[in-house]
């Protein structure tokens, strides 16, 4: 554990740690939603395998987002991106009435995509809920808002 988050001590020198691609996606999402009525909590949980990366809240509707980066230019393969723990957690959460989604940034094809979660994610053609240009967070957030309104 470092005294300075994002840095580590290396032989008496402070060295900046590289930022993970999912962290960059998180920063872009959070910055884009700053002017909107979303409340976000980012989790880095190693204690409970499978818990998604981000908890979101909009107008009393809670949801979870698993953030993924897919460098395959042709197709997103969610079963390869998600661990068995993540699929199990998402499925159990959905079965108990919760909302959880997989947000996939595809830098090589310039797309940002939102997929259904849980067991849906491991079938051959998972449900695509949103697809837009990689920087189109406003449309993504509109889609999330719409999904939350229709969920209840």
Protein backbone atom coordinates (compact mmCIF):
# COMPACT_ATOMS: atom_id res chain seq x y z
CA UNK A 1 0.00 0.00 0.00
CA UNK A 2 1.45 3.31 -1.01
CA UNK A 3 1.21 6.55 0.91
CA UNK A 4 0.55 8.28 -2.41
CA UNK A 5 -2.25 6.68 -4.49
CA UNK A 6 -1.14 5.97 -8.05
CA UNK A 7 2.54 5.96 -7.04
CA UNK A 8 4.85 3.34 -5.59
CA UNK A 9 8.17 3.50 -3.85
CA UNK A 10 10.89 1.79 -5.84
CA UNK A 11 14.33 1.62 -4.26
CA UNK A 12 13.92 4.97 -2.52
CA UNK A 13 12.47 6.59 -5.64
CA UNK A 14 8.87 7.45 -6.29
CA UNK A 15 7.69 6.02 -9.58
CA UNK A 16 4.32 6.78 -11.18
CA UNK A 17 2.33 3.59 -11.80
CA UNK A 18 0.76 3.13 -15.23
CA UNK A 19 -2.97 3.82 -15.45
CA UNK A 20 -5.05 0.79 -16.44
CA UNK A 21 -7.27 1.18 -19.50
CA UNK A 22 -10.40 0.55 -17.37
CA UNK A 23 -9.32 3.40 -15.10
CA UNK A 24 -9.05 5.70 -18.11
CA UNK A 25 -12.57 4.65 -19.17
CA UNK A 26 -13.80 5.40 -15.64
CA UNK A 27 -12.25 8.88 -15.67
CA UNK A 28 -13.85 9.66 -19.04
CA UNK A 29 -17.25 8.41 -17.85
CA UNK A 30 -17.10 10.38 -14.61
CA UNK A 31 -15.97 13.59 -16.31
CA UNK A 32 -18.73 13.31 -18.92
CA UNK A 33 -21.41 12.78 -16.27
CA UNK A 34 -20.25 15.61 -13.99
CA UNK A 35 -23.00 18.00 -15.11
CA UNK A 36 -25.72 15.32 -14.95
CA UNK A 37 -27.61 14.02 -11.90
CA UNK A 38 -25.67 10.76 -11.63
CA UNK A 39 -23.97 9.67 -8.41
CA UNK A 40 -20.97 7.39 -8.97
CA UNK A 41 -18.86 5.16 -6.72
CA UNK A 42 -15.83 3.38 -8.15
CA UNK A 43 -14.79 0.15 -6.45
CA UNK A 44 -11.54 -1.73 -6.59
CA UNK A 45 -12.54 -4.91 -4.79
CA UNK A 46 -10.19 -7.85 -4.55
CA UNK A 47 -11.94 -9.13 -1.42
CA UNK A 48 -15.17 -10.05 -3.23
CA UNK A 49 -14.52 -11.49 -6.69
CA UNK A 50 -17.04 -10.54 -9.34
CA UNK A 51 -18.32 -7.25 -7.93
CA UNK A 52 -18.56 -4.73 -10.81
CA UNK A 53 -16.30 -1.69 -11.07
CA UNK A 54 -18.80 1.16 -10.73
CA UNK A 55 -22.00 1.70 -8.76
CA UNK A 56 -24.28 4.34 -10.22
CA UNK A 57 -27.42 6.08 -9.04
CA UNK A 58 -29.81 8.30 -10.99
CA UNK A 59 -33.08 9.66 -9.58
CA UNK A 60 -33.34 6.89 -6.99
CA UNK A 61 -32.47 4.08 -9.43
CA UNK A 62 -29.32 2.12 -8.62
CA UNK A 63 -27.24 0.13 -11.10
CA UNK A 64 -23.80 -1.40 -11.55
CA UNK A 65 -21.38 -1.15 -14.47
CA UNK A 66 -18.58 -3.55 -15.28
CA UNK A 67 -15.96 -1.67 -17.30
CA UNK A 68 -14.11 -3.56 -20.01
CA UNK A 69 -11.71 -2.74 -22.82
CA UNK A 70 -11.88 -4.87 -25.98
CA UNK A 71 -9.12 -4.51 -28.53
CA UNK A 72 -10.74 -6.90 -31.00
CA UNK A 73 -11.72 -4.78 -33.97
CA UNK A 74 -14.38 -7.15 -35.32
CA UNK A 75 -16.45 -8.43 -32.40
CA UNK A 76 -16.83 -8.22 -28.64
CA UNK A 77 -16.46 -11.62 -26.98
CA UNK A 78 -17.95 -11.05 -23.53
CA UNK A 79 -17.28 -14.59 -22.25
CA UNK A 80 -13.56 -13.94 -22.75
CA UNK A 81 -13.72 -10.46 -21.19
CA UNK A 82 -15.65 -11.52 -18.08
CA UNK A 83 -14.46 -13.89 -15.39
CA UNK A 84 -16.73 -16.70 -14.14
CA UNK A 85 -17.01 -14.77 -10.84
CA UNK A 86 -18.24 -11.67 -12.67
CA UNK A 87 -20.84 -13.64 -14.63
CA UNK A 88 -22.04 -15.40 -11.46
CA UNK A 89 -22.27 -12.12 -9.50
CA UNK A 90 -24.14 -10.37 -12.32
CA UNK A 91 -26.58 -13.28 -12.73
CA UNK A 92 -27.35 -13.45 -9.00
CA UNK A 93 -27.80 -9.67 -8.79
CA UNK A 94 -30.18 -9.66 -11.77
CA UNK A 95 -32.18 -12.56 -10.31
CA UNK A 96 -32.73 -10.44 -7.21
CA UNK A 97 -34.13 -7.52 -9.21
CA UNK A 98 -30.98 -5.42 -9.61
CA UNK A 99 -29.64 -3.66 -12.69
CA UNK A 100 -26.16 -4.38 -13.97
CA UNK A 101 -24.54 -3.78 -17.36
CA UNK A 102 -21.23 -4.32 -19.14
CA UNK A 103 -19.73 -1.15 -20.60
CA UNK A 104 -17.17 -2.01 -23.28
CA UNK A 105 -14.82 0.53 -24.83
CA UNK A 106 -13.45 -0.61 -28.18
CA UNK A 107 -10.54 1.74 -28.96
CA UNK A 108 -9.49 -0.04 -32.18
CA UNK A 109 -12.94 0.33 -33.72
CA UNK A 110 -13.77 3.64 -32.01
CA UNK A 111 -16.94 2.32 -30.35
CA UNK A 112 -18.46 2.51 -26.89
CA UNK A 113 -20.97 -0.29 -26.23
CA UNK A 114 -23.33 -1.24 -23.42
CA UNK A 115 -24.37 -4.88 -23.08
CA UNK A 116 -26.83 -6.80 -20.94
CA UNK A 117 -25.15 -8.61 -18.05
CA UNK A 118 -25.25 -11.93 -16.26
CA UNK A 119 -26.08 -15.10 -18.15
CA UNK A 120 -27.01 -12.91 -21.17
CA UNK A 121 -23.34 -12.00 -21.45
CA UNK A 122 -22.16 -15.55 -22.14
CA UNK A 123 -24.63 -16.48 -24.87
CA UNK A 124 -23.54 -16.30 -28.49
CA UNK A 125 -25.12 -12.90 -29.24
CA UNK A 126 -25.41 -10.88 -26.03
CA UNK A 127 -27.98 -8.10 -26.03
CA UNK A 128 -26.46 -4.83 -27.23
CA UNK A 129 -28.24 -1.97 -25.45
CA UNK A 130 -26.17 0.93 -26.80
CA UNK A 131 -23.51 1.48 -29.44
CA UNK A 132 -21.98 4.82 -30.31
CA UNK A 133 -18.71 6.58 -31.00
CA UNK A 134 -16.11 6.08 -28.28
CA UNK A 135 -16.51 9.61 -26.91
CA UNK A 136 -20.32 9.74 -27.00
CA UNK A 137 -20.92 9.52 -23.26
CA UNK A 138 -23.92 11.87 -23.43
CA UNK A 139 -25.90 9.37 -25.51
CA UNK A 140 -24.69 6.51 -23.30
CA UNK A 141 -25.89 8.35 -20.18
CA UNK A 142 -29.24 9.06 -21.86
CA UNK A 143 -29.57 5.33 -22.56
CA UNK A 144 -28.69 4.45 -18.95
CA UNK A 145 -31.26 6.95 -17.70
CA UNK A 146 -33.88 5.41 -20.00
CA UNK A 147 -33.01 1.88 -18.86
CA UNK A 148 -33.40 2.91 -15.22
CA UNK A 149 -36.79 4.55 -15.83
CA UNK A 150 -38.06 1.43 -17.63
CA UNK A 151 -36.56 -1.00 -15.09
CA UNK A 152 -39.03 -0.18 -12.33
